[in-house]
C-alpha atoms as a PDB file:
ATOM      1  CA  MET A   1       0.000   0.000   0.000  1.00  0.00           C
ATOM      2  CA  ARG A   2       1.210   3.498  -0.809  1.00  0.00           C
ATOM      3  CA  LEU A   3       0.325   4.983   2.570  1.00  0.00           C
ATOM      4  CA  GLU A   4       3.446   3.473   4.120  1.00  0.00           C
ATOM      5  CA  TYR A   5       5.615   5.286   1.578  1.00  0.00           C
ATOM      6  CA  LEU A   6       3.880   8.561   2.415  1.00  0.00           C
ATOM      7  CA  CYS A   7       4.688   8.066   6.086  1.00  0.00           C
ATOM      8  CA  ILE A   8       8.336   7.378   5.271  1.00  0.00           C
ATOM      9  CA  ASP A   9       8.478  10.498   3.083  1.00  0.00           C
ATOM     10  CA  CYS A  10       7.099  12.622   5.905  1.00  0.00           C
ATOM     11  CA  ARG A  11       9.672  11.201   8.270  1.00  0.00           C
ATOM     12  CA  SER A  12      12.538  11.942   5.881  1.00  0.00           C
ATOM     13  CA  LEU A  13      11.191  15.458   5.357  1.00  0.00           C
ATOM     14  CA  ARG A  14      11.236  16.030   9.085  1.00  0.00           C
ATOM     15  CA  ASP A  15      14.789  14.677   9.360  1.00  0.00           C
ATOM     16  CA  ASN A  16      16.144  16.648   6.405  1.00  0.00           C
ATOM     17  CA  TYR A  17      14.634  20.012   7.218  1.00  0.00           C
ATOM     18  CA  SER A  18      14.326  19.579  10.996  1.00  0.00           C
ATOM     19  CA  ARG A  19      11.092  21.551  10.766  1.00  0.00           C
ATOM     20  CA  PRO A  20       8.549  19.878  13.053  1.00  0.00           C
ATOM     21  CA  ASP A  21       5.945  22.485  12.072  1.00  0.00           C
ATOM     22  CA  LEU A  22       6.316  21.520   8.416  1.00  0.00           C
ATOM     23  CA  TYR A  23       6.068  17.847   9.322  1.00  0.00           C
ATOM     24  CA  ARG A  24       2.954  18.500  11.407  1.00  0.00           C
ATOM     25  CA  LEU A  25       1.366  20.471   8.574  1.00  0.00           C
ATOM     26  CA  ILE A  26       1.967  17.667   6.081  1.00  0.00           C
ATOM     27  CA  SER A  27       0.805  14.897   8.400  1.00  0.00           C
ATOM     28  CA  ASN A  28      -2.344  16.851   9.296  1.00  0.00           C
ATOM     29  CA  ALA A  29      -3.138  17.363   5.619  1.00  0.00           C
ATOM     30  CA  LEU A  30      -2.585  13.666   4.927  1.00  0.00           C
ATOM     31  CA  SER A  31      -4.699  12.462   7.830  1.00  0.00           C
ATOM     32  CA  SER A  32      -7.568  14.842   7.077  1.00  0.00           C
ATOM     33  CA  SER A  33      -7.671  13.822   3.414  1.00  0.00           C
ATOM     34  CA  LEU A  34      -7.535  10.161   4.463  1.00  0.00           C
ATOM     35  CA  ASP A  35     -10.487  10.754   6.783  1.00  0.00           C
ATOM     36  CA  LYS A  36     -12.414  12.329   3.909  1.00  0.00           C
ATOM     37  CA  LEU A  37     -11.556   9.421   1.640  1.00  0.00           C
ATOM     38  CA  VAL A  38     -12.720   6.865   4.214  1.00  0.00           C
ATOM     39  CA  ASP A  39     -15.919   8.867   4.736  1.00  0.00           C
ATOM     40  CA  ILE A  40     -16.641   8.913   0.987  1.00  0.00           C
ATOM     41  CA  LEU A  41     -15.967   5.172   0.713  1.00  0.00           C
ATOM     42  CA  ARG A  42     -18.324   4.494   3.625  1.00  0.00           C
ATOM     43  CA  ARG A  43     -21.077   6.535   1.981  1.00  0.00           C
ATOM     44  CA  ILE A  44     -20.652   4.659  -1.292  1.00  0.00           C
ATOM     45  CA  LYS A  45     -20.807   1.339   0.556  1.00  0.00           C
ATOM     46  CA  THR A  46     -23.965   2.261   2.496  1.00  0.00           C
ATOM     47  CA  SER A  47     -25.738   3.713  -0.544  1.00  0.00           C
ATOM     48  CA  ARG A  48     -25.167   0.521  -2.532  1.00  0.00           C
ATOM     49  CA  SER A  49     -26.437  -1.891   0.113  1.00  0.00           C
END
């Protein structure tokens, strides 16, 4: 799954730039978009059944 690669990229970003605020910003954006994606998938699943 590609999510694992995203997590690794975030970690390397944090290490390279040593900017925890940047890391937090990116991880927040990722997690919020993941939540939206899961929500959309749930709606599709419930509307079909």
